[in-house]
Protein backbone atom coordinates (compact mmCIF):
# COMPACT_ATOMS: atom_id res chain seq x y z
CA MET A 1 4.91 -21.73 11.32
CA ARG A 2 6.63 -22.16 7.96
CA LEU A 3 3.40 -23.70 6.69
CA VAL A 4 1.44 -20.70 8.04
CA ILE A 5 3.74 -18.25 6.26
CA LEU A 6 3.51 -20.18 2.99
CA LEU A 7 -0.27 -20.40 3.25
CA CYS A 8 -0.43 -16.65 3.90
CA ALA A 9 1.60 -15.92 0.77
CA PHE A 10 -0.44 -18.45 -1.22
CA SER A 11 -3.68 -16.81 -0.03
CA ILE A 12 -2.56 -13.42 -1.30
CA ALA A 13 -1.48 -15.01 -4.58
CA CYS A 14 -4.87 -16.69 -5.03
CA GLN A 15 -6.69 -13.41 -4.43
CA LEU A 16 -4.50 -11.63 -6.98
CA CYS A 17 -4.60 -14.23 -9.76
CA THR A 18 -8.08 -13.34 -11.03
CA ALA A 19 -7.01 -10.22 -12.94
CA GLN A 20 -7.27 -9.73 -16.69
CA GLU A 21 -10.24 -12.04 -17.20
CA LYS A 22 -12.56 -11.22 -20.08
CA ALA A 23 -16.14 -10.95 -18.80
CA PRO A 24 -19.30 -10.27 -20.75
CA ALA A 25 -20.79 -6.88 -20.07
CA LYS A 26 -23.82 -7.22 -17.80
CA PRO A 27 -26.84 -5.08 -18.49
CA GLU A 28 -27.64 -2.69 -15.67
CA SER A 29 -30.40 -0.27 -15.01
CA LYS A 30 -29.56 3.33 -15.79
CA SER A 31 -28.88 4.13 -12.16
CA GLY A 32 -27.62 0.73 -11.04
CA PRO A 33 -27.24 -0.21 -7.37
CA LYS A 34 -26.82 2.66 -4.90
CA VAL A 35 -24.32 0.83 -2.70
CA VAL A 36 -22.19 -2.29 -3.13
CA THR A 37 -19.75 -4.30 -1.03
CA VAL A 38 -16.94 -6.14 -2.79
CA PRO A 39 -14.06 -8.34 -1.56
CA ALA A 40 -10.70 -6.63 -1.20
CA THR A 41 -7.18 -7.96 -1.14
CA ILE A 42 -4.94 -6.25 1.41
CA ASP A 43 -1.58 -6.51 -0.32
CA HIS A 44 1.31 -4.73 1.44
CA ASN A 45 -1.42 -2.82 3.34
CA ARG A 46 -2.84 -1.56 0.02
CA VAL A 47 -6.50 -2.10 -0.84
CA ILE A 48 -6.91 -3.93 -4.17
CA VAL A 49 -10.33 -4.75 -5.63
CA ASP A 50 -11.60 -6.25 -8.88
CA ALA A 51 -13.04 -3.72 -11.33
CA ASP A 52 -14.78 -4.35 -14.66
CA ILE A 53 -13.73 -2.00 -17.44
CA PRO A 54 -16.13 -1.65 -20.41
CA LEU A 55 -14.33 -2.29 -23.72
CA PRO A 56 -15.14 -0.84 -27.15
CA ASP A 57 -16.54 -4.17 -28.42
CA GLY A 58 -19.25 -4.20 -25.76
CA SER A 59 -17.55 -6.70 -23.47
CA SER A 60 -15.68 -5.82 -20.29
CA GLU A 61 -12.35 -6.78 -18.81
CA ARG A 62 -11.78 -7.47 -15.14
CA VAL A 63 -8.61 -5.94 -13.72
CA HIS A 64 -7.16 -5.09 -10.32
CA ALA A 65 -7.86 -1.58 -9.07
CA TRP A 66 -5.92 0.18 -6.32
CA VAL A 67 -8.12 2.22 -3.97
CA ASP A 68 -5.96 5.26 -3.26
CA THR A 69 -7.44 7.91 -0.97
CA GLY A 70 -4.16 9.84 -0.85
CA ASN A 71 -3.70 10.73 -4.52
CA PRO A 72 -6.09 12.63 -6.81
CA ASP A 73 -4.34 11.56 -10.01
CA PHE A 74 -5.92 8.80 -12.08
CA TYR A 75 -3.47 6.12 -13.27
CA LEU A 76 -3.92 3.50 -15.95
CA SER A 77 -1.59 0.80 -17.26
CA ARG A 78 -0.32 1.06 -20.83
CA ARG A 79 -1.73 -2.39 -21.62
CA LEU A 80 -5.22 -1.40 -20.49
CA ALA A 81 -5.08 1.90 -22.36
CA THR A 82 -4.29 -0.06 -25.53
CA ALA A 83 -7.15 -2.50 -24.88
CA LEU A 84 -9.50 0.47 -24.49
CA GLY A 85 -8.33 1.95 -27.78
CA LEU A 86 -7.22 5.17 -26.10
CA LYS A 87 -4.81 7.49 -27.88
CA VAL A 88 -1.60 7.45 -25.84
CA SER A 89 0.99 10.22 -25.96
CA CYS A 90 4.36 10.11 -24.15
CA ASP A 91 7.24 12.32 -23.13
CA ASP A 92 10.50 11.27 -21.51
CA ARG A 93 8.86 10.85 -18.07
CA GLU A 94 5.39 9.34 -18.53
CA CYS A 95 2.50 8.83 -20.90
CA SER A 96 -1.07 10.07 -20.85
CA ALA A 97 -4.37 9.27 -22.50
CA PRO A 98 -8.03 10.27 -22.43
CA THR A 99 -9.89 8.89 -19.44
CA PRO A 100 -12.32 5.95 -19.73
CA GLN A 101 -15.92 6.92 -19.09
CA ALA A 102 -16.45 4.59 -16.14
CA LEU A 103 -15.50 1.46 -14.27
CA VAL A 104 -17.80 -1.02 -12.57
CA LEU A 105 -17.49 -2.33 -9.01
CA GLY A 106 -19.82 -5.17 -8.05
CA GLY A 107 -22.36 -4.02 -10.65
CA MET A 108 -22.18 -0.36 -9.60
CA THR A 109 -21.01 2.07 -12.25
CA ILE A 110 -18.36 4.51 -11.00
CA SER A 111 -18.18 7.56 -13.25
CA LEU A 112 -14.77 8.87 -14.32
CA THR A 113 -16.06 11.74 -16.45
CA ASP A 114 -14.75 14.56 -14.27
CA ILE A 115 -11.12 13.41 -14.72
CA THR A 116 -9.37 15.26 -17.52
CA GLN A 117 -6.72 12.67 -18.35
CA ALA A 118 -5.26 9.34 -17.34
CA ARG A 119 -1.61 9.20 -16.35
CA ILE A 120 0.27 6.16 -17.64
CA PRO A 121 3.62 5.16 -16.13
CA LEU A 122 6.37 4.92 -18.72
CA ARG A 123 7.16 1.23 -18.44
CA PRO A 124 9.00 -1.35 -20.57
CA VAL A 125 6.82 -3.48 -22.81
CA ASN A 126 7.24 -6.52 -20.57
CA ALA A 127 5.98 -4.52 -17.57
CA ALA A 128 3.24 -2.49 -19.24
CA SER A 129 0.42 -4.48 -17.59
CA VAL A 130 0.88 -3.00 -14.10
CA LEU A 131 1.03 0.50 -12.66
CA ALA A 132 4.10 -0.04 -10.52
CA ARG A 133 6.68 -2.69 -9.77
CA GLY A 134 5.72 -5.11 -7.02
CA MET A 135 1.95 -4.74 -7.37
CA SER A 136 -0.75 -6.13 -9.64
CA ALA A 137 -3.07 -3.14 -10.13
CA GLU A 138 -3.75 -1.77 -13.62
CA ILE A 139 -5.93 1.15 -12.59
CA THR A 140 -6.43 3.41 -9.58
CA ILE A 141 -9.58 4.65 -7.93
CA PRO A 142 -8.25 8.00 -6.72
CA SER A 143 -9.48 10.51 -4.18
CA ILE A 144 -10.97 12.76 -6.84
CA VAL A 145 -13.39 9.93 -7.71
CA LEU A 146 -13.97 8.65 -4.17
CA ARG A 147 -15.03 12.12 -2.92
CA HIS A 148 -18.42 11.71 -4.66
CA TYR A 149 -19.32 8.64 -2.57
CA ASP A 150 -19.59 7.15 0.88
CA VAL A 151 -16.64 4.79 1.33
CA LEU A 152 -16.04 2.10 3.95
CA ILE A 153 -12.72 0.23 3.92
CA ASP A 154 -12.89 -2.83 6.14
CA PHE A 155 -9.29 -3.87 6.71
CA ALA A 156 -10.34 -6.47 9.26
CA GLU A 157 -12.69 -8.37 6.95
CA HIS A 158 -11.02 -7.45 3.64
CA LYS A 159 -14.01 -5.63 2.13
CA LEU A 160 -14.77 -2.37 0.38
CA THR A 161 -18.20 -0.76 0.50
CA ILE A 162 -18.97 2.22 -1.74
CA GLY A 163 -22.26 3.98 -2.27
CA ALA A 164 -24.08 7.19 -2.95
CA PRO A 165 -23.82 9.86 -0.23
CA GLY A 166 -25.95 8.87 2.75
CA SER A 167 -26.20 5.22 1.70
CA ILE A 168 -23.78 3.76 4.29
CA HIS A 169 -24.58 3.61 8.00
CA PHE A 170 -21.16 4.25 9.53
CA LEU A 171 -20.22 2.91 12.95
CA GLY A 172 -17.47 3.69 15.42
CA SER A 173 -15.84 6.84 16.71
CA SER A 174 -16.17 9.83 14.41
CA GLY A 175 -14.29 13.05 13.87
CA LYS A 176 -14.41 16.04 11.57
CA VAL A 177 -11.72 16.41 8.92
CA GLN A 178 -10.75 18.85 6.20
CA ILE A 179 -11.32 17.67 2.62
CA ASP A 180 -10.09 19.67 -0.35
CA ALA A 181 -11.49 19.85 -3.87
CA ASN A 182 -9.43 16.82 -4.90
CA GLY A 183 -10.82 14.65 -2.11
CA LEU A 184 -7.59 14.70 -0.09
CA ILE A 185 -8.26 14.34 3.63
CA GLU A 186 -6.54 16.22 6.45
CA ILE A 187 -7.07 14.72 9.89
CA PRO A 188 -6.22 16.66 13.08
CA ALA A 189 -3.49 14.91 15.04
CA GLN A 190 -1.56 15.29 18.24
CA ILE A 191 1.69 13.95 19.66
CA GLU A 192 2.74 15.02 23.15
CA LYS A 193 0.22 17.88 23.24
CA LYS A 194 1.53 19.33 19.99
CA LYS A 195 -1.25 19.73 17.46
CA PHE A 196 -0.88 19.40 13.70
CA SER A 197 -2.60 17.61 10.83
CA LEU A 198 -1.81 14.48 8.87
CA ALA A 199 -2.90 13.43 5.42
CA LEU A 200 -5.17 10.39 5.84
CA ASP A 201 -3.79 8.18 3.09
CA LEU A 202 -5.19 4.66 2.99
CA GLY A 203 -3.28 4.03 -0.22
CA SER A 204 0.08 4.23 1.55
CA SER A 205 1.56 1.06 3.06
CA MET A 206 3.41 3.13 5.67
CA SER A 207 2.86 6.18 7.88
CA PHE A 208 5.26 9.12 7.80
CA LEU A 209 6.27 12.20 9.75
CA SER A 210 8.01 15.24 8.32
CA VAL A 211 11.78 15.22 8.72
CA ASP A 212 11.62 18.09 11.21
CA THR A 213 8.93 16.49 13.38
CA PHE A 214 10.62 13.10 13.21
CA GLU A 215 14.03 14.42 14.25
CA LYS A 216 12.62 16.42 17.15
CA LEU A 217 10.86 13.33 18.50
CA THR A 218 13.86 11.03 18.12
CA THR A 219 16.08 13.58 19.88
CA ALA A 220 13.64 13.95 22.76
CA HIS A 221 12.91 10.20 23.04
CA VAL A 222 16.00 8.11 22.50
CA ASP A 223 14.18 5.31 24.31
CA TRP A 224 11.55 4.96 21.59
CA PRO A 225 12.38 1.98 19.32
CA HIS A 226 14.01 3.21 16.12
CA MET A 227 16.07 1.90 13.21
CA THR A 228 17.64 2.88 9.89
CA GLY A 229 16.51 1.02 6.80
CA ALA A 230 13.11 0.19 5.36
CA VAL A 231 11.84 -3.33 6.05
CA GLY A 232 8.32 -4.79 6.02
CA PRO A 233 5.64 -2.14 5.33
CA ALA A 234 8.29 0.62 5.32
CA ASN A 235 9.82 -0.98 2.21
CA VAL A 236 7.28 0.91 0.11
CA TRP A 237 8.60 0.78 -3.48
CA GLY A 238 12.27 -0.10 -3.19
CA SER A 239 13.84 3.22 -4.12
CA ASP A 240 17.58 3.41 -3.51
CA ASP A 241 17.21 5.76 -0.55
CA GLU A 242 14.86 3.40 1.34
CA ALA A 243 17.92 1.64 2.74
CA LYS A 244 18.64 4.91 4.60
CA TRP A 245 15.13 5.75 5.74
CA LYS A 246 14.69 6.25 9.47
CA VAL A 247 11.80 4.47 11.19
CA MET A 248 10.55 4.59 14.79
CA ARG A 249 7.61 3.73 17.00
CA VAL A 250 5.78 6.78 18.35
CA ASP A 251 4.70 6.04 21.91
CA ARG A 252 1.26 7.63 21.56
CA LEU A 253 -0.48 9.29 18.63
CA GLN A 254 -3.94 10.82 18.48
CA ALA A 255 -5.52 11.11 15.06
CA GLY A 256 -9.02 12.52 15.18
CA PRO A 257 -10.98 10.31 17.59
CA LEU A 258 -8.39 7.54 17.34
CA PHE A 259 -5.66 6.87 19.92
CA LEU A 260 -2.77 4.73 18.70
CA THR A 261 0.18 3.40 20.67
CA ASP A 262 3.57 2.17 19.45
CA ALA A 263 2.75 3.64 16.04
CA ALA A 264 5.40 2.76 13.44
CA MET A 265 6.25 5.84 11.35
CA ALA A 266 9.07 6.72 8.98
CA SER A 267 10.74 10.03 8.25
CA LEU A 268 8.98 11.43 5.19
CA PRO A 269 11.44 11.56 2.27
CA ASN A 270 11.60 14.76 0.28
CA GLU A 271 11.40 12.90 -3.01
CA ALA A 272 10.39 9.29 -3.53
CA ALA A 273 8.85 7.74 -6.61
CA PHE A 274 5.14 6.94 -6.42
CA ILE A 275 4.81 7.88 -2.75
CA GLU A 276 1.81 10.00 -1.94
CA LYS A 277 2.70 13.45 -0.67
CA PRO A 278 0.59 15.33 1.85
CA SER A 279 -0.71 18.71 0.80
CA ALA A 280 0.92 21.88 2.06
CA ALA A 281 -1.59 22.11 4.89
CA SER A 282 -0.51 18.78 6.34
CA ASN A 283 3.24 19.01 6.09
CA ALA A 284 3.50 17.06 9.35
CA GLY A 285 3.13 13.79 7.47
CA ILE A 286 0.86 10.90 6.50
CA LEU A 287 -1.37 8.57 8.49
CA GLY A 288 -1.04 5.40 6.42
CA ALA A 289 -2.77 2.05 6.27
CA ASN A 290 -0.16 0.22 8.39
CA LEU A 291 -1.71 1.72 11.54
CA LEU A 292 -5.30 0.87 10.61
CA GLN A 293 -5.24 -2.85 9.83
CA ASN A 294 -7.55 -3.62 12.78
CA TYR A 295 -10.16 -1.07 11.74
CA ARG A 296 -13.10 -0.37 9.49
CA VAL A 297 -12.46 3.13 8.22
CA GLY A 298 -15.50 5.08 7.05
CA LEU A 299 -15.14 8.13 4.82
CA ASP A 300 -18.20 10.39 4.73
CA TYR A 301 -16.96 12.89 2.18
CA ALA A 302 -20.25 14.81 2.02
CA ARG A 303 -20.11 15.59 5.74
CA SER A 304 -16.31 15.85 6.07
CA THR A 305 -16.33 13.10 8.69
CA VAL A 306 -14.26 9.97 9.21
CA TYR A 307 -15.20 6.92 11.31
CA PHE A 308 -12.98 4.35 12.97
CA ASP A 309 -14.68 1.14 14.02
CA ILE A 310 -12.54 -1.56 15.66
CA GLY A 311 -12.87 -4.79 13.72
CA ARG A 312 -10.51 -7.02 15.65
CA MET A 313 -7.88 -6.93 18.36
CA PHE A 314 -4.60 -8.19 16.98
CA ASN A 315 -1.00 -7.21 17.53
CA PHE A 316 0.49 -7.22 14.04
CA PRO A 317 4.12 -8.40 13.98
CA ASP A 318 4.71 -5.92 11.17
CA PHE A 319 8.45 -5.63 11.74
CA ASP A 320 9.23 -9.25 12.64
CA VAL A 321 10.98 -9.89 9.34
CA VAL A 322 14.27 -10.67 7.64
CA GLY A 323 16.35 -7.49 7.73
CA ILE A 324 16.79 -6.53 4.09
CA THR A 325 15.44 -3.75 1.88
CA LEU A 326 14.30 -4.88 -1.58
CA ARG A 327 13.42 -3.32 -4.91
CA PRO A 328 11.02 -5.03 -7.33
CA GLU A 329 12.27 -4.80 -10.90
CA ASP A 330 10.37 -4.42 -14.18
CA ASP A 331 11.14 -8.03 -15.10
CA GLY A 332 9.65 -9.33 -11.84
CA ARG A 333 12.93 -9.92 -10.03
CA PHE A 334 13.85 -8.47 -6.64
CA THR A 335 17.12 -6.66 -5.98
CA VAL A 336 18.67 -6.20 -2.53
CA VAL A 337 18.92 -2.43 -1.97
CA GLY A 338 20.50 -2.76 1.46
CA VAL A 339 20.93 -4.85 4.59
CA VAL A 340 19.80 -3.21 7.81
CA ASP A 341 21.61 -3.45 11.13
CA PHE A 342 20.32 -5.46 14.07
CA GLU A 343 21.96 -4.92 17.46
CA GLY A 344 24.88 -3.14 15.78
CA LYS A 345 25.57 -5.80 13.14
CA PRO A 346 24.21 -6.51 9.65
CA ALA A 347 21.02 -8.53 10.02
CA VAL A 348 22.09 -10.77 7.11
CA ASP A 349 25.85 -10.47 6.82
CA ALA A 350 26.22 -12.67 3.72
CA LEU A 351 24.15 -10.34 1.50
CA GLN A 352 25.12 -7.10 -0.17
CA ALA A 353 23.44 -4.41 -2.24
CA GLY A 354 22.92 -5.51 -5.83
CA ASP A 355 22.27 -9.18 -5.05
CA GLN A 356 19.19 -10.68 -6.68
CA LEU A 357 16.72 -12.56 -4.46
CA VAL A 358 15.69 -15.65 -6.42
CA ALA A 359 13.71 -17.75 -3.92
CA ILE A 360 12.64 -17.98 -0.28
CA ASN A 361 12.57 -21.49 1.16
CA ASP A 362 12.81 -22.81 -2.42
CA ILE A 363 9.75 -20.81 -3.53
CA ALA A 364 10.59 -18.61 -6.52
CA VAL A 365 9.76 -14.95 -5.91
CA ARG A 366 9.95 -13.61 -9.45
CA GLY A 367 6.70 -11.85 -10.29
CA ALA A 368 5.49 -11.77 -6.68
CA SER A 369 3.89 -8.68 -5.20
CA MET A 370 5.47 -6.83 -2.30
CA GLY A 371 2.76 -8.19 -0.01
CA GLN A 372 3.48 -11.79 -1.03
CA LEU A 373 7.20 -11.26 -0.59
CA TRP A 374 7.00 -9.80 2.91
CA ALA A 375 4.54 -12.49 3.98
CA MET A 376 7.27 -15.01 3.20
CA LEU A 377 10.01 -12.96 4.88
CA GLY A 378 8.02 -12.52 8.11
CA GLY A 379 7.49 -14.89 11.02
CA ASN A 380 8.46 -15.44 14.61
CA PRO A 381 11.77 -13.87 15.70
CA GLY A 382 14.57 -16.41 15.49
CA GLN A 383 12.99 -18.48 12.74
CA GLU A 384 15.14 -19.12 9.69
CA ARG A 385 14.45 -18.32 6.06
CA ARG A 386 16.56 -19.95 3.37
CA LEU A 387 17.28 -17.34 0.70
CA THR A 388 18.45 -18.29 -2.78
CA VAL A 389 20.52 -15.41 -4.10
CA ASP A 390 22.10 -14.58 -7.45
CA ARG A 391 25.28 -12.52 -7.51
CA GLY A 392 26.93 -11.91 -10.85
CA GLY A 393 25.24 -14.91 -12.44
CA LYS A 394 26.18 -17.35 -9.66
CA GLN A 395 23.59 -18.64 -7.21
CA PHE A 396 24.15 -19.46 -3.57
CA THR A 397 22.04 -20.00 -0.45
CA VAL A 398 21.93 -17.78 2.63
CA VAL A 399 20.23 -18.74 5.88
CA ALA A 400 18.73 -15.59 7.40
CA GLN A 401 16.89 -15.15 10.68
CA VAL A 402 13.65 -13.31 11.27
CA ARG A 403 14.43 -10.42 13.61
CA HIS A 404 12.26 -8.38 15.95
CA PHE A 405 12.81 -4.83 14.72
CA LEU A 406 11.36 -1.75 16.41
CA GLY A 407 10.70 -3.48 19.70
CA ALA A 408 12.08 -5.31 22.68
CA GLU A 409 14.69 -8.00 22.27
CA GLU A 410 13.51 -10.91 20.18
CA SER A 411 11.97 -13.92 21.87
CA ASP A 412 13.20 -17.50 21.66
CA PRO A 413 12.51 -19.31 18.37
CA LYS A 414 9.32 -21.36 18.30
């Protein structure tokens, strides 16, 4: 199983290592293809694709693009803005620049002309080539762009299809949704006969419920698996408060035509950096990508319809992991934010907040993405992971066990 985990992490790494290649600009017809399908990397449940960005010298540069249906804002890395020759202005919170005219996916030109400005995270020079810590993307494809197209995200086969309206033949169960002017999607939902709406956010690694809804459900259902502390997909960005986030499995959730059981959802924080917020209309929470990894999700923006087509039947061990919450740093390191409890005791009692995670099973983690990291920290309950840790400049080794969080008692090691 150790070999399987390592191969999984290596596979993600291989898919991510193709960024920042210089590629000659390819001539296209004025209209270009009407629909394209491109490979996607599913990294920490986030959809990452290769995009070609035309440069001023007539060439293009291939970078990683984050497909984010839950945020209308267009983001660009500082490094890419410089390569494009864009005039960048900054305040004490972030930078901004004029928007590039277009990006190219699989030979199809995606226009960016209706975006007024690009937002650029205020990052140190050594971290200016990514949008956020723990991920490799340099640009987003936001909802305000996606709304002009048919979009099919195939989590099962790791593919993205995008085309002109009416160009994709969607399959699966369908349901009507509300879509605002920014392309943000509200999907009708129901838990225990109570109706509300959720923001359908395929750019979020985790699903969330409002604090009020979450607390009412946990009070009424103490038997539903629950925990405090963000691990696995709930460890979204590594903010300090993630160590205190509450997470549970909702017994049954209906979202549009989709019925989900044992749905892992966290209590939606009031403020968290870089987490997509639902609009006011859907203050009940977010339906994130962690619940849709078996599906092909079709977004017919023109007809305000979503499709869910089952792509595979697989029970994801999403919370069979080492019980720590981590924060990726600007220099590529990972800091322990907190250690979660398992059966009333710290899951890894030798660690403490502030420790630096150096390696997992002798594999250095510096510069890894969150998806690569959690692939290495997951496995069968009871398996051991050897963690190399730095505390105050001194390194030591901790043997930690994979635990079965948010479920029945862990099985015997295999």
